[in-house]
Amino acid sequence: MLPAAPDEVLACIVAFVRFLVPVLTAILLGCHFLKPPQEVRRKLLHMVAFFLAPVMIWASDRWQPVVVTLVAMGALLWPLLAAGERIPGFEAFFVQRRAHEVRRSMLLLIWGDAVLVAFCWGLCVQPSVAVASILMWGCGDAAAALVGKRFGRHHVAIPLADHKKTWEGSAAMLATSALVGFALQGLNPTVLVAAAVGAYVELITHSGFDTITVPFAVAIVL
């Protein structure tokens, strides 16, 4: 197994920057002029992070550069975000709900994606499964939060579940995950099983660790 070459790592970074600059600019301008609710802005920013690994996978011919780049970015972002927390307005901009939430969740996301890519692409030779599992979780999570907070009326009361979550949010996650899965994996009935498993795992995962548990659960099913 050849290690990741510097030009391959650079290609991963360039691919994400090309995605990041126009998308983030559009989000910031849209938020400035349209003034969407805080939860919408929060999830739009989250969506940018969800696409970090998939964009790199699409731009790379091998899994090693993607994993190396993700690990390095996670290590770099931690002190940068720690410094950013000292800047007035940081918490309000990211709609941070608790102290250190952004850097903790970013590290879990990026390093979790690195392990997922190594598993799906490096071990199982299925890069498309890595992409599908990350985006099925990311898009589904955004839908669950937006629908659950706006329309959620029936709280989940099953064993192990986080009782703050609602059936309306879980249904939105299931439907959105399935649609994303079908778009990426074709009309494969396994996608429905993966979406259902992901929605259930999201329900029983506490303290924000669904960043890790849901994509891996979806990937194992796929």
N, C-alpha and C. Protein backbone atom coordinates (compact mmCIF):
# COMPACT_ATOMS: atom_id res chain seq x y z
N MET A 1 0.84 -1.19 0.00
CA MET A 1 0.00 0.00 0.00
C MET A 1 0.88 1.25 0.00
N LEU A 2 0.74 2.07 -1.03
CA LEU A 2 1.55 3.27 -1.13
C LEU A 2 0.96 4.35 -0.24
N PRO A 3 1.81 5.11 0.44
CA PRO A 3 1.29 6.21 1.26
C PRO A 3 0.73 7.31 0.38
N ALA A 4 0.00 8.22 0.99
CA ALA A 4 -0.56 9.34 0.24
C ALA A 4 0.53 10.31 -0.17
N ALA A 5 0.57 10.66 -1.44
CA ALA A 5 1.55 11.62 -1.94
C ALA A 5 1.06 13.03 -1.65
N PRO A 6 2.00 13.98 -1.49
CA PRO A 6 1.58 15.37 -1.21
C PRO A 6 0.64 15.95 -2.26
N ASP A 7 0.86 15.61 -3.54
CA ASP A 7 -0.02 16.16 -4.58
C ASP A 7 -1.43 15.57 -4.48
N GLU A 8 -1.55 14.34 -3.99
CA GLU A 8 -2.87 13.75 -3.82
C GLU A 8 -3.62 14.41 -2.66
N VAL A 9 -2.90 14.70 -1.59
CA VAL A 9 -3.50 15.40 -0.45
C VAL A 9 -3.92 16.80 -0.88
N LEU A 10 -3.06 17.46 -1.64
CA LEU A 10 -3.38 18.81 -2.14
C LEU A 10 -4.62 18.78 -3.02
N ALA A 11 -4.76 17.75 -3.84
CA ALA A 11 -5.93 17.63 -4.71
C ALA A 11 -7.21 17.52 -3.89
N CYS A 12 -7.14 16.79 -2.77
CA CYS A 12 -8.31 16.67 -1.89
C CYS A 12 -8.68 18.03 -1.30
N ILE A 13 -7.66 18.76 -0.86
CA ILE A 13 -7.91 20.08 -0.26
C ILE A 13 -8.48 21.04 -1.28
N VAL A 14 -7.90 21.05 -2.47
CA VAL A 14 -8.36 21.95 -3.53
C VAL A 14 -9.80 21.64 -3.91
N ALA A 15 -10.14 20.36 -4.00
CA ALA A 15 -11.51 19.97 -4.35
C ALA A 15 -12.50 20.52 -3.33
N PHE A 16 -12.16 20.42 -2.05
CA PHE A 16 -13.10 20.90 -1.05
C PHE A 16 -13.18 22.42 -1.04
N VAL A 17 -12.05 23.09 -1.23
CA VAL A 17 -12.06 24.56 -1.27
C VAL A 17 -12.92 25.05 -2.43
N ARG A 18 -12.82 24.39 -3.58
CA ARG A 18 -13.64 24.77 -4.73
C ARG A 18 -15.13 24.59 -4.44
N PHE A 19 -15.45 23.61 -3.63
CA PHE A 19 -16.83 23.42 -3.22
C PHE A 19 -17.20 24.42 -2.14
N LEU A 20 -16.30 24.62 -1.18
CA LEU A 20 -16.60 25.41 0.01
C LEU A 20 -16.85 26.88 -0.31
N VAL A 21 -15.99 27.49 -1.12
CA VAL A 21 -16.05 28.94 -1.33
C VAL A 21 -17.40 29.38 -1.91
N PRO A 22 -17.86 28.82 -3.04
CA PRO A 22 -19.14 29.30 -3.57
C PRO A 22 -20.33 28.92 -2.70
N VAL A 23 -20.31 27.71 -2.12
CA VAL A 23 -21.45 27.27 -1.31
C VAL A 23 -21.55 28.10 -0.03
N LEU A 24 -20.43 28.28 0.66
CA LEU A 24 -20.44 29.06 1.90
C LEU A 24 -20.80 30.52 1.62
N THR A 25 -20.31 31.06 0.51
CA THR A 25 -20.65 32.43 0.14
C THR A 25 -22.15 32.57 -0.08
N ALA A 26 -22.73 31.60 -0.79
CA ALA A 26 -24.18 31.63 -1.04
C ALA A 26 -24.97 31.54 0.26
N ILE A 27 -24.51 30.68 1.18
CA ILE A 27 -25.21 30.53 2.46
C ILE A 27 -25.14 31.82 3.28
N LEU A 28 -23.96 32.42 3.34
CA LEU A 28 -23.78 33.64 4.13
C LEU A 28 -24.60 34.79 3.55
N LEU A 29 -24.60 34.92 2.23
CA LEU A 29 -25.38 35.98 1.61
C LEU A 29 -26.88 35.73 1.81
N GLY A 30 -27.29 34.48 1.65
CA GLY A 30 -28.69 34.15 1.85
C GLY A 30 -29.14 34.43 3.27
N CYS A 31 -28.31 34.06 4.24
CA CYS A 31 -28.65 34.31 5.65
C CYS A 31 -28.68 35.81 5.96
N HIS A 32 -27.78 36.56 5.32
CA HIS A 32 -27.73 38.01 5.57
C HIS A 32 -28.98 38.70 5.07
N PHE A 33 -29.43 38.34 3.88
CA PHE A 33 -30.57 39.04 3.28
C PHE A 33 -31.92 38.44 3.65
N LEU A 34 -31.99 37.11 3.81
CA LEU A 34 -33.27 36.46 4.05
C LEU A 34 -33.59 36.28 5.53
N LYS A 35 -32.56 36.35 6.39
CA LYS A 35 -32.75 36.21 7.83
C LYS A 35 -33.55 34.95 8.20
N PRO A 36 -33.06 33.77 7.82
CA PRO A 36 -33.80 32.54 8.16
C PRO A 36 -33.72 32.27 9.67
N PRO A 37 -34.57 31.39 10.18
CA PRO A 37 -34.48 31.02 11.60
C PRO A 37 -33.10 30.46 11.93
N GLN A 38 -32.71 30.59 13.19
CA GLN A 38 -31.38 30.14 13.62
C GLN A 38 -31.14 28.67 13.31
N GLU A 39 -32.16 27.83 13.51
CA GLU A 39 -31.98 26.40 13.28
C GLU A 39 -31.70 26.11 11.80
N VAL A 40 -32.32 26.87 10.90
CA VAL A 40 -32.07 26.70 9.47
C VAL A 40 -30.63 27.07 9.16
N ARG A 41 -30.18 28.21 9.69
CA ARG A 41 -28.79 28.63 9.47
C ARG A 41 -27.81 27.61 10.04
N ARG A 42 -28.12 27.10 11.20
CA ARG A 42 -27.26 26.10 11.84
C ARG A 42 -27.12 24.86 10.95
N LYS A 43 -28.23 24.38 10.42
CA LYS A 43 -28.19 23.16 9.61
C LYS A 43 -27.57 23.40 8.23
N LEU A 44 -27.72 24.60 7.69
CA LEU A 44 -27.04 24.92 6.42
C LEU A 44 -25.52 24.87 6.60
N LEU A 45 -25.04 25.40 7.71
CA LEU A 45 -23.60 25.34 7.99
C LEU A 45 -23.16 23.90 8.22
N HIS A 46 -24.01 23.12 8.87
CA HIS A 46 -23.69 21.71 9.08
C HIS A 46 -23.56 20.98 7.75
N MET A 47 -24.44 21.32 6.79
CA MET A 47 -24.42 20.64 5.50
C MET A 47 -23.08 20.83 4.79
N VAL A 48 -22.48 21.99 4.96
CA VAL A 48 -21.15 22.23 4.37
C VAL A 48 -20.15 21.22 4.92
N ALA A 49 -20.21 21.00 6.24
CA ALA A 49 -19.28 20.04 6.86
C ALA A 49 -19.58 18.62 6.42
N PHE A 50 -20.87 18.28 6.21
CA PHE A 50 -21.22 16.92 5.79
C PHE A 50 -20.59 16.55 4.46
N PHE A 51 -20.39 17.56 3.60
CA PHE A 51 -19.86 17.28 2.26
C PHE A 51 -18.34 17.23 2.22
N LEU A 52 -17.68 17.47 3.35
CA LEU A 52 -16.21 17.48 3.38
C LEU A 52 -15.62 16.19 2.83
N ALA A 53 -15.96 15.06 3.42
CA ALA A 53 -15.40 13.78 2.98
C ALA A 53 -15.92 13.37 1.60
N PRO A 54 -17.24 13.45 1.32
CA PRO A 54 -17.70 13.06 -0.01
C PRO A 54 -17.02 13.79 -1.16
N VAL A 55 -16.82 15.10 -1.01
CA VAL A 55 -16.16 15.86 -2.09
C VAL A 55 -14.73 15.35 -2.30
N MET A 56 -14.04 15.04 -1.21
CA MET A 56 -12.68 14.51 -1.33
C MET A 56 -12.68 13.12 -1.98
N ILE A 57 -13.66 12.30 -1.63
CA ILE A 57 -13.75 10.97 -2.22
C ILE A 57 -13.96 11.08 -3.73
N TRP A 58 -14.87 11.96 -4.15
CA TRP A 58 -15.13 12.13 -5.58
C TRP A 58 -13.90 12.63 -6.33
N ALA A 59 -13.02 13.36 -5.61
CA ALA A 59 -11.85 13.96 -6.28
C ALA A 59 -10.62 13.06 -6.25
N SER A 60 -10.69 11.94 -5.54
CA SER A 60 -9.50 11.11 -5.35
C SER A 60 -9.66 9.74 -6.00
N ASP A 61 -8.53 9.18 -6.42
CA ASP A 61 -8.51 7.83 -6.99
C ASP A 61 -8.20 6.76 -5.95
N ARG A 62 -7.72 7.20 -4.78
CA ARG A 62 -7.35 6.25 -3.73
C ARG A 62 -7.87 6.74 -2.39
N TRP A 63 -8.02 5.80 -1.46
CA TRP A 63 -8.58 6.17 -0.17
C TRP A 63 -7.55 6.78 0.77
N GLN A 64 -6.27 6.44 0.60
CA GLN A 64 -5.25 6.92 1.53
C GLN A 64 -5.15 8.46 1.60
N PRO A 65 -5.14 9.17 0.45
CA PRO A 65 -5.06 10.63 0.54
C PRO A 65 -6.25 11.25 1.27
N VAL A 66 -7.42 10.66 1.08
CA VAL A 66 -8.62 11.19 1.74
C VAL A 66 -8.49 11.05 3.26
N VAL A 67 -8.06 9.88 3.71
CA VAL A 67 -7.92 9.63 5.15
C VAL A 67 -6.84 10.53 5.75
N VAL A 68 -5.70 10.63 5.09
CA VAL A 68 -4.61 11.48 5.59
C VAL A 68 -5.07 12.93 5.68
N THR A 69 -5.76 13.41 4.65
CA THR A 69 -6.22 14.79 4.64
C THR A 69 -7.23 15.05 5.75
N LEU A 70 -8.15 14.13 5.95
CA LEU A 70 -9.15 14.30 7.01
C LEU A 70 -8.51 14.31 8.39
N VAL A 71 -7.58 13.40 8.62
CA VAL A 71 -6.91 13.35 9.93
C VAL A 71 -6.15 14.65 10.18
N ALA A 72 -5.43 15.12 9.16
CA ALA A 72 -4.66 16.35 9.31
C ALA A 72 -5.57 17.56 9.52
N MET A 73 -6.69 17.61 8.79
CA MET A 73 -7.61 18.73 8.94
C MET A 73 -8.24 18.76 10.33
N GLY A 74 -8.58 17.58 10.85
CA GLY A 74 -9.13 17.53 12.19
C GLY A 74 -8.16 18.06 13.23
N ALA A 75 -6.88 17.66 13.10
CA ALA A 75 -5.86 18.12 14.03
C ALA A 75 -5.64 19.62 13.92
N LEU A 76 -5.77 20.16 12.71
CA LEU A 76 -5.56 21.59 12.50
C LEU A 76 -6.74 22.42 12.97
N LEU A 77 -7.96 21.91 12.73
CA LEU A 77 -9.15 22.67 13.07
C LEU A 77 -9.36 22.82 14.57
N TRP A 78 -8.92 21.84 15.34
CA TRP A 78 -9.15 21.89 16.79
C TRP A 78 -8.57 23.16 17.42
N PRO A 79 -7.27 23.47 17.23
CA PRO A 79 -6.75 24.71 17.82
C PRO A 79 -7.31 25.96 17.17
N LEU A 80 -7.63 25.90 15.86
CA LEU A 80 -8.20 27.07 15.19
C LEU A 80 -9.58 27.41 15.75
N LEU A 81 -10.41 26.39 15.94
CA LEU A 81 -11.73 26.63 16.50
C LEU A 81 -11.66 27.03 17.97
N ALA A 82 -10.66 26.48 18.68
CA ALA A 82 -10.47 26.88 20.08
C ALA A 82 -10.14 28.37 20.15
N ALA A 83 -9.32 28.84 19.24
CA ALA A 83 -8.99 30.28 19.19
C ALA A 83 -10.23 31.08 18.77
N GLY A 84 -11.01 30.52 17.84
CA GLY A 84 -12.20 31.22 17.38
C GLY A 84 -13.24 31.42 18.48
N GLU A 85 -13.26 30.52 19.45
CA GLU A 85 -14.23 30.63 20.54
C GLU A 85 -14.01 31.89 21.38
N ARG A 86 -12.83 32.47 21.28
CA ARG A 86 -12.54 33.70 22.03
C ARG A 86 -13.03 34.95 21.30
N ILE A 87 -13.45 34.78 20.06
CA ILE A 87 -13.91 35.92 19.27
C ILE A 87 -15.38 36.20 19.57
N PRO A 88 -15.73 37.43 19.90
CA PRO A 88 -17.15 37.76 20.16
C PRO A 88 -18.00 37.44 18.93
N GLY A 89 -19.13 36.82 19.16
CA GLY A 89 -20.03 36.48 18.07
C GLY A 89 -19.85 35.09 17.51
N PHE A 90 -18.80 34.38 17.95
CA PHE A 90 -18.54 33.03 17.44
C PHE A 90 -19.69 32.09 17.75
N GLU A 91 -20.13 32.09 19.01
CA GLU A 91 -21.21 31.19 19.41
C GLU A 91 -22.51 31.52 18.69
N ALA A 92 -22.79 32.82 18.53
CA ALA A 92 -24.03 33.23 17.87
C ALA A 92 -24.01 32.85 16.40
N PHE A 93 -22.86 33.00 15.75
CA PHE A 93 -22.76 32.70 14.32
C PHE A 93 -23.03 31.24 14.05
N PHE A 94 -22.43 30.36 14.85
CA PHE A 94 -22.59 28.92 14.64
C PHE A 94 -23.80 28.34 15.37
N VAL A 95 -24.55 29.21 16.07
CA VAL A 95 -25.70 28.79 16.87
C VAL A 95 -25.26 27.64 17.79
N GLN A 96 -24.20 27.90 18.52
CA GLN A 96 -23.62 26.90 19.41
C GLN A 96 -24.48 26.77 20.67
N ARG A 97 -24.91 25.55 20.97
CA ARG A 97 -25.83 25.33 22.08
C ARG A 97 -25.14 25.11 23.41
N ARG A 98 -23.91 24.65 23.38
CA ARG A 98 -23.16 24.45 24.61
C ARG A 98 -21.69 24.72 24.34
N ALA A 99 -20.93 24.91 25.41
CA ALA A 99 -19.52 25.27 25.26
C ALA A 99 -18.76 24.21 24.47
N HIS A 100 -17.93 24.67 23.55
CA HIS A 100 -17.04 23.82 22.73
C HIS A 100 -17.79 22.88 21.80
N GLU A 101 -19.08 23.13 21.56
CA GLU A 101 -19.86 22.20 20.74
C GLU A 101 -19.31 22.10 19.31
N VAL A 102 -18.95 23.23 18.72
CA VAL A 102 -18.54 23.23 17.32
C VAL A 102 -17.26 22.44 17.13
N ARG A 103 -16.23 22.72 17.93
CA ARG A 103 -14.97 22.00 17.71
C ARG A 103 -15.08 20.52 18.10
N ARG A 104 -15.88 20.22 19.09
CA ARG A 104 -16.06 18.81 19.45
C ARG A 104 -16.77 18.06 18.33
N SER A 105 -17.86 18.64 17.82
CA SER A 105 -18.63 17.96 16.78
C SER A 105 -17.83 17.89 15.47
N MET A 106 -17.04 18.92 15.18
CA MET A 106 -16.22 18.89 13.96
C MET A 106 -15.16 17.81 14.04
N LEU A 107 -14.54 17.66 15.20
CA LEU A 107 -13.52 16.63 15.34
C LEU A 107 -14.14 15.23 15.22
N LEU A 108 -15.30 15.03 15.85
CA LEU A 108 -15.99 13.75 15.74
C LEU A 108 -16.36 13.47 14.28
N LEU A 109 -16.85 14.49 13.59
CA LEU A 109 -17.26 14.32 12.20
C LEU A 109 -16.07 13.98 11.31
N ILE A 110 -15.02 14.77 11.39
CA ILE A 110 -13.90 14.62 10.46
C ILE A 110 -13.13 13.33 10.73
N TRP A 111 -12.80 13.06 11.98
CA TRP A 111 -12.06 11.83 12.26
C TRP A 111 -12.95 10.60 12.13
N GLY A 112 -14.24 10.75 12.42
CA GLY A 112 -15.17 9.64 12.19
C GLY A 112 -15.26 9.31 10.70
N ASP A 113 -15.31 10.35 9.88
CA ASP A 113 -15.33 10.15 8.43
C ASP A 113 -14.05 9.48 7.94
N ALA A 114 -12.91 9.84 8.55
CA ALA A 114 -11.64 9.22 8.16
C ALA A 114 -11.68 7.71 8.40
N VAL A 115 -12.19 7.31 9.56
CA VAL A 115 -12.30 5.88 9.87
C VAL A 115 -13.30 5.22 8.94
N LEU A 116 -14.40 5.90 8.65
CA LEU A 116 -15.43 5.35 7.77
C LEU A 116 -14.89 5.13 6.35
N VAL A 117 -14.13 6.10 5.85
CA VAL A 117 -13.53 5.97 4.52
C VAL A 117 -12.55 4.80 4.48
N ALA A 118 -11.73 4.69 5.54
CA ALA A 118 -10.78 3.57 5.59
C ALA A 118 -11.51 2.23 5.61
N PHE A 119 -12.63 2.18 6.32
CA PHE A 119 -13.42 0.94 6.39
C PHE A 119 -14.11 0.63 5.06
N CYS A 120 -14.87 1.61 4.56
CA CYS A 120 -15.69 1.36 3.36
C CYS A 120 -14.84 1.23 2.10
N TRP A 121 -13.87 2.13 1.94
CA TRP A 121 -13.08 2.15 0.72
C TRP A 121 -11.82 1.30 0.85
N GLY A 122 -11.09 1.49 1.95
CA GLY A 122 -9.84 0.76 2.12
C GLY A 122 -10.03 -0.72 2.36
N LEU A 123 -10.98 -1.08 3.22
CA LEU A 123 -11.19 -2.49 3.58
C LEU A 123 -12.20 -3.18 2.65
N CYS A 124 -13.31 -2.50 2.39
CA CYS A 124 -14.40 -3.14 1.62
C CYS A 124 -14.41 -2.74 0.15
N VAL A 125 -13.56 -1.81 -0.25
CA VAL A 125 -13.46 -1.35 -1.63
C VAL A 125 -14.82 -0.85 -2.14
N GLN A 126 -15.49 -0.06 -1.32
CA GLN A 126 -16.80 0.48 -1.67
C GLN A 126 -16.85 1.98 -1.34
N PRO A 127 -16.17 2.82 -2.12
CA PRO A 127 -16.19 4.26 -1.81
C PRO A 127 -17.58 4.86 -1.89
N SER A 128 -18.43 4.30 -2.78
CA SER A 128 -19.78 4.85 -2.91
C SER A 128 -20.60 4.64 -1.64
N VAL A 129 -20.29 3.59 -0.89
CA VAL A 129 -20.99 3.35 0.38
C VAL A 129 -20.59 4.40 1.42
N ALA A 130 -19.33 4.79 1.41
CA ALA A 130 -18.88 5.84 2.32
C ALA A 130 -19.63 7.14 2.04
N VAL A 131 -19.72 7.50 0.77
CA VAL A 131 -20.45 8.73 0.39
C VAL A 131 -21.91 8.64 0.79
N ALA A 132 -22.54 7.52 0.45
CA ALA A 132 -23.97 7.36 0.74
C ALA A 132 -24.25 7.39 2.24
N SER A 133 -23.44 6.71 3.03
CA SER A 133 -23.71 6.64 4.47
C SER A 133 -23.54 8.01 5.12
N ILE A 134 -22.54 8.79 4.68
CA ILE A 134 -22.33 10.12 5.26
C ILE A 134 -23.47 11.06 4.89
N LEU A 135 -23.87 11.06 3.61
CA LEU A 135 -24.91 12.00 3.17
C LEU A 135 -26.30 11.56 3.58
N MET A 136 -26.55 10.26 3.67
CA MET A 136 -27.85 9.80 4.20
C MET A 136 -28.01 10.25 5.63
N TRP A 137 -26.92 10.14 6.42
CA TRP A 137 -27.01 10.62 7.80
C TRP A 137 -27.10 12.14 7.85
N GLY A 138 -26.23 12.84 7.12
CA GLY A 138 -26.18 14.30 7.21
C GLY A 138 -27.47 14.96 6.78
N CYS A 139 -28.00 14.58 5.61
CA CYS A 139 -29.24 15.17 5.13
C CYS A 139 -30.42 14.75 6.01
N GLY A 140 -30.41 13.49 6.43
CA GLY A 140 -31.48 13.01 7.30
C GLY A 140 -31.48 13.71 8.65
N ASP A 141 -30.29 13.94 9.19
CA ASP A 141 -30.17 14.64 10.47
C ASP A 141 -30.70 16.06 10.37
N ALA A 142 -30.37 16.74 9.27
CA ALA A 142 -30.86 18.11 9.08
C ALA A 142 -32.38 18.13 8.99
N ALA A 143 -32.95 17.19 8.23
CA ALA A 143 -34.41 17.12 8.10
C ALA A 143 -35.07 16.82 9.44
N ALA A 144 -34.47 15.91 10.21
CA ALA A 144 -35.04 15.56 11.52
C ALA A 144 -35.08 16.77 12.45
N ALA A 145 -33.99 17.54 12.45
CA ALA A 145 -33.93 18.71 13.34
C ALA A 145 -34.94 19.78 12.92
N LEU A 146 -35.01 20.07 11.63
CA LEU A 146 -35.89 21.13 11.16
C LEU A 146 -37.36 20.76 11.32
N VAL A 147 -37.71 19.54 10.92
CA VAL A 147 -39.10 19.11 11.03
C VAL A 147 -39.48 18.87 12.49
N GLY A 148 -38.57 18.23 13.25
CA GLY A 148 -38.87 17.93 14.64
C GLY A 148 -39.10 19.17 15.47
N LYS A 149 -38.28 20.20 15.28
CA LYS A 149 -38.42 21.42 16.08
C LYS A 149 -39.64 22.24 15.65
N ARG A 150 -39.97 22.17 14.37
CA ARG A 150 -41.10 22.98 13.88
C ARG A 150 -42.44 22.27 14.03
N PHE A 151 -42.47 20.98 13.75
CA PHE A 151 -43.74 20.26 13.71
C PHE A 151 -43.85 19.11 14.73
N GLY A 152 -42.75 18.85 15.45
CA GLY A 152 -42.75 17.72 16.38
C GLY A 152 -43.75 17.88 17.52
N ARG A 153 -44.66 16.95 17.62
CA ARG A 153 -45.67 16.99 18.69
C ARG A 153 -45.66 15.71 19.52
N HIS A 154 -45.18 14.63 18.95
CA HIS A 154 -45.26 13.32 19.62
C HIS A 154 -43.85 12.84 19.95
N HIS A 155 -43.50 12.92 21.22
CA HIS A 155 -42.16 12.53 21.64
C HIS A 155 -42.02 11.01 21.68
N VAL A 156 -40.84 10.57 21.33
CA VAL A 156 -40.56 9.14 21.26
C VAL A 156 -40.44 8.58 22.68
N ALA A 157 -41.14 7.52 22.93
CA ALA A 157 -41.11 6.90 24.26
C ALA A 157 -40.87 5.40 24.12
N ILE A 158 -39.73 5.05 23.55
CA ILE A 158 -39.34 3.65 23.44
C ILE A 158 -38.06 3.45 24.22
N PRO A 159 -37.75 2.21 24.61
CA PRO A 159 -36.54 1.96 25.40
C PRO A 159 -35.29 2.52 24.71
N LEU A 160 -34.42 3.13 25.51
CA LEU A 160 -33.12 3.67 25.10
C LEU A 160 -33.20 4.98 24.33
N ALA A 161 -34.39 5.37 23.87
CA ALA A 161 -34.50 6.56 23.02
C ALA A 161 -34.30 7.84 23.82
N ASP A 162 -33.77 8.85 23.12
CA ASP A 162 -33.71 10.20 23.66
C ASP A 162 -35.12 10.77 23.59
N HIS A 163 -35.75 10.98 24.74
CA HIS A 163 -37.15 11.34 24.77
C HIS A 163 -37.42 12.78 24.34
N LYS A 164 -36.38 13.55 24.07
CA LYS A 164 -36.57 14.89 23.51
C LYS A 164 -36.87 14.82 22.01
N LYS A 165 -36.59 13.69 21.39
CA LYS A 165 -36.81 13.54 19.96
C LYS A 165 -38.25 13.14 19.68
N THR A 166 -38.71 13.47 18.47
CA THR A 166 -40.11 13.24 18.13
C THR A 166 -40.25 12.28 16.95
N TRP A 167 -41.44 11.69 16.86
CA TRP A 167 -41.72 10.79 15.75
C TRP A 167 -41.75 11.55 14.42
N GLU A 168 -42.19 12.80 14.46
CA GLU A 168 -42.22 13.60 13.23
C GLU A 168 -40.80 13.82 12.70
N GLY A 169 -39.86 14.13 13.60
CA GLY A 169 -38.48 14.31 13.19
C GLY A 169 -37.87 13.03 12.67
N SER A 170 -38.17 11.90 13.34
CA SER A 170 -37.64 10.61 12.90
C SER A 170 -38.19 10.21 11.54
N ALA A 171 -39.48 10.50 11.31
CA ALA A 171 -40.08 10.19 10.00
C ALA A 171 -39.42 11.02 8.91
N ALA A 172 -39.13 12.29 9.22
CA ALA A 172 -38.45 13.14 8.24
C ALA A 172 -37.05 12.63 7.94
N MET A 173 -36.36 12.15 8.97
CA MET A 173 -35.03 11.59 8.76
C MET A 173 -35.10 10.34 7.89
N LEU A 174 -36.04 9.46 8.19
CA LEU A 174 -36.18 8.22 7.43
C LEU A 174 -36.46 8.51 5.96
N ALA A 175 -37.41 9.41 5.69
CA ALA A 175 -37.77 9.72 4.31
C ALA A 175 -36.62 10.38 3.57
N THR A 176 -35.97 11.35 4.22
CA THR A 176 -34.87 12.07 3.56
C THR A 176 -33.68 11.14 3.32
N SER A 177 -33.35 10.33 4.30
CA SER A 177 -32.23 9.38 4.15
C SER A 177 -32.50 8.42 3.00
N ALA A 178 -33.73 7.94 2.90
CA ALA A 178 -34.08 7.01 1.83
C ALA A 178 -33.96 7.68 0.47
N LEU A 179 -34.45 8.91 0.35
CA LEU A 179 -34.37 9.62 -0.93
C LEU A 179 -32.92 9.85 -1.36
N VAL A 180 -32.09 10.27 -0.40
CA VAL A 180 -30.67 10.48 -0.70
C VAL A 180 -30.01 9.16 -1.07
N GLY A 181 -30.35 8.10 -0.34
CA GLY A 181 -29.78 6.79 -0.63
C GLY A 181 -30.16 6.30 -2.02
N PHE A 182 -31.43 6.47 -2.40
CA PHE A 182 -31.86 6.05 -3.73
C PHE A 182 -31.15 6.86 -4.81
N ALA A 183 -30.95 8.16 -4.55
CA ALA A 183 -30.26 9.00 -5.53
C ALA A 183 -28.82 8.55 -5.74
N LEU A 184 -28.19 8.06 -4.66
CA LEU A 184 -26.77 7.69 -4.73
C LEU A 184 -26.54 6.21 -5.03
N GLN A 185 -27.47 5.35 -4.61
CA GLN A 185 -27.27 3.91 -4.72
C GLN A 185 -28.24 3.24 -5.71
N GLY A 186 -29.11 4.03 -6.31
CA GLY A 186 -30.10 3.44 -7.19
C GLY A 186 -31.27 2.88 -6.40
N LEU A 187 -32.25 2.32 -7.12
CA LEU A 187 -33.46 1.79 -6.46
C LEU A 187 -33.18 0.43 -5.84
N ASN A 188 -32.33 0.46 -4.83
CA ASN A 188 -31.92 -0.74 -4.12
C ASN A 188 -32.74 -0.84 -2.84
N PRO A 189 -33.53 -1.89 -2.65
CA PRO A 189 -34.35 -2.00 -1.44
C PRO A 189 -33.54 -1.98 -0.14
N THR A 190 -32.25 -2.32 -0.23
CA THR A 190 -31.41 -2.28 0.96
C THR A 190 -31.31 -0.86 1.52
N VAL A 191 -31.47 0.13 0.63
CA VAL A 191 -31.43 1.53 1.07
C VAL A 191 -32.51 1.81 2.11
N LEU A 192 -33.70 1.25 1.90
CA LEU A 192 -34.79 1.45 2.87
C LEU A 192 -34.43 0.86 4.23
N VAL A 193 -33.81 -0.30 4.22
CA VAL A 193 -33.39 -0.93 5.48
C VAL A 193 -32.33 -0.06 6.15
N ALA A 194 -31.37 0.42 5.36
CA ALA A 194 -30.30 1.27 5.92
C ALA A 194 -30.87 2.56 6.49
N ALA A 195 -31.84 3.16 5.78
CA ALA A 195 -32.45 4.40 6.27
C ALA A 195 -33.21 4.16 7.57
N ALA A 196 -33.91 3.03 7.65
CA ALA A 196 -34.66 2.71 8.87
C ALA A 196 -33.71 2.45 10.04
N VAL A 197 -32.64 1.71 9.79
CA VAL A 197 -31.65 1.44 10.84
C VAL A 197 -31.00 2.74 11.29
N GLY A 198 -30.65 3.61 10.32
CA GLY A 198 -30.05 4.89 10.68
C GLY A 198 -30.97 5.74 11.52
N ALA A 199 -32.27 5.78 11.17
CA ALA A 199 -33.22 6.56 11.95
C ALA A 199 -33.36 6.02 13.37
N TYR A 200 -33.35 4.71 13.51
CA TYR A 200 -33.46 4.10 14.85
C TYR A 200 -32.19 4.38 15.67
N VAL A 201 -31.03 4.20 15.06
CA VAL A 201 -29.78 4.44 15.78
C VAL A 201 -29.69 5.90 16.21
N GLU A 202 -30.19 6.81 15.36
CA GLU A 202 -30.18 8.23 15.73
C GLU A 202 -31.06 8.48 16.95
N LEU A 203 -32.17 7.74 17.04
CA LEU A 203 -33.07 7.90 18.18
C LEU A 203 -32.43 7.48 19.49
N ILE A 204 -31.62 6.44 19.47
CA ILE A 204 -31.09 5.89 20.72
C ILE A 204 -29.68 6.39 21.03
N THR A 205 -29.15 7.28 20.18
CA THR A 205 -27.81 7.82 20.42
C THR A 205 -27.92 9.15 21.15
N HIS A 206 -27.17 9.30 22.22
CA HIS A 206 -27.23 10.50 23.05
C HIS A 206 -25.92 11.29 22.95
N SER A 207 -25.98 12.54 23.41
CA SER A 207 -24.80 13.40 23.56
C SER A 207 -24.07 13.71 22.26
N GLY A 208 -24.80 13.70 21.14
CA GLY A 208 -24.20 14.10 19.87
C GLY A 208 -23.34 13.07 19.19
N PHE A 209 -23.32 11.85 19.70
CA PHE A 209 -22.46 10.82 19.09
C PHE A 209 -23.09 10.17 17.86
N ASP A 210 -24.28 10.66 17.43
CA ASP A 210 -24.86 10.15 16.19
C ASP A 210 -23.98 10.46 14.99
N THR A 211 -23.09 11.44 15.15
CA THR A 211 -22.09 11.73 14.11
C THR A 211 -21.27 10.49 13.77
N ILE A 212 -21.07 9.63 14.77
CA ILE A 212 -20.30 8.40 14.59
C ILE A 212 -21.22 7.21 14.35
N THR A 213 -22.22 7.05 15.21
CA THR A 213 -23.00 5.82 15.20
C THR A 213 -23.86 5.65 13.96
N VAL A 214 -24.51 6.72 13.52
CA VAL A 214 -25.46 6.59 12.40
C VAL A 214 -24.75 6.27 11.07
N PRO A 215 -23.71 7.03 10.66
CA PRO A 215 -23.06 6.67 9.39
C PRO A 215 -22.51 5.25 9.38
N PHE A 216 -21.95 4.80 10.50
CA PHE A 216 -21.42 3.45 10.54
C PHE A 216 -22.52 2.41 10.46
N ALA A 217 -23.65 2.66 11.14
CA ALA A 217 -24.77 1.73 11.06
C ALA A 217 -25.29 1.64 9.63
N VAL A 218 -25.43 2.79 8.97
CA VAL A 218 -25.92 2.82 7.59
C VAL A 218 -24.92 2.10 6.68
N ALA A 219 -23.63 2.37 6.87
CA ALA A 219 -22.60 1.76 6.03
C ALA A 219 -22.59 0.24 6.17
N ILE A 220 -22.74 -0.26 7.38
CA ILE A 220 -22.72 -1.72 7.60
C ILE A 220 -23.89 -2.37 6.87
N VAL A 221 -25.08 -1.75 6.92
CA VAL A 221 -26.23 -2.30 6.22
C VAL A 221 -26.00 -2.29 4.71
N LEU A 222 -25.52 -1.15 4.19
CA LEU A 222 -25.29 -1.05 2.75
C LEU A 222 -24.21 -2.01 2.29
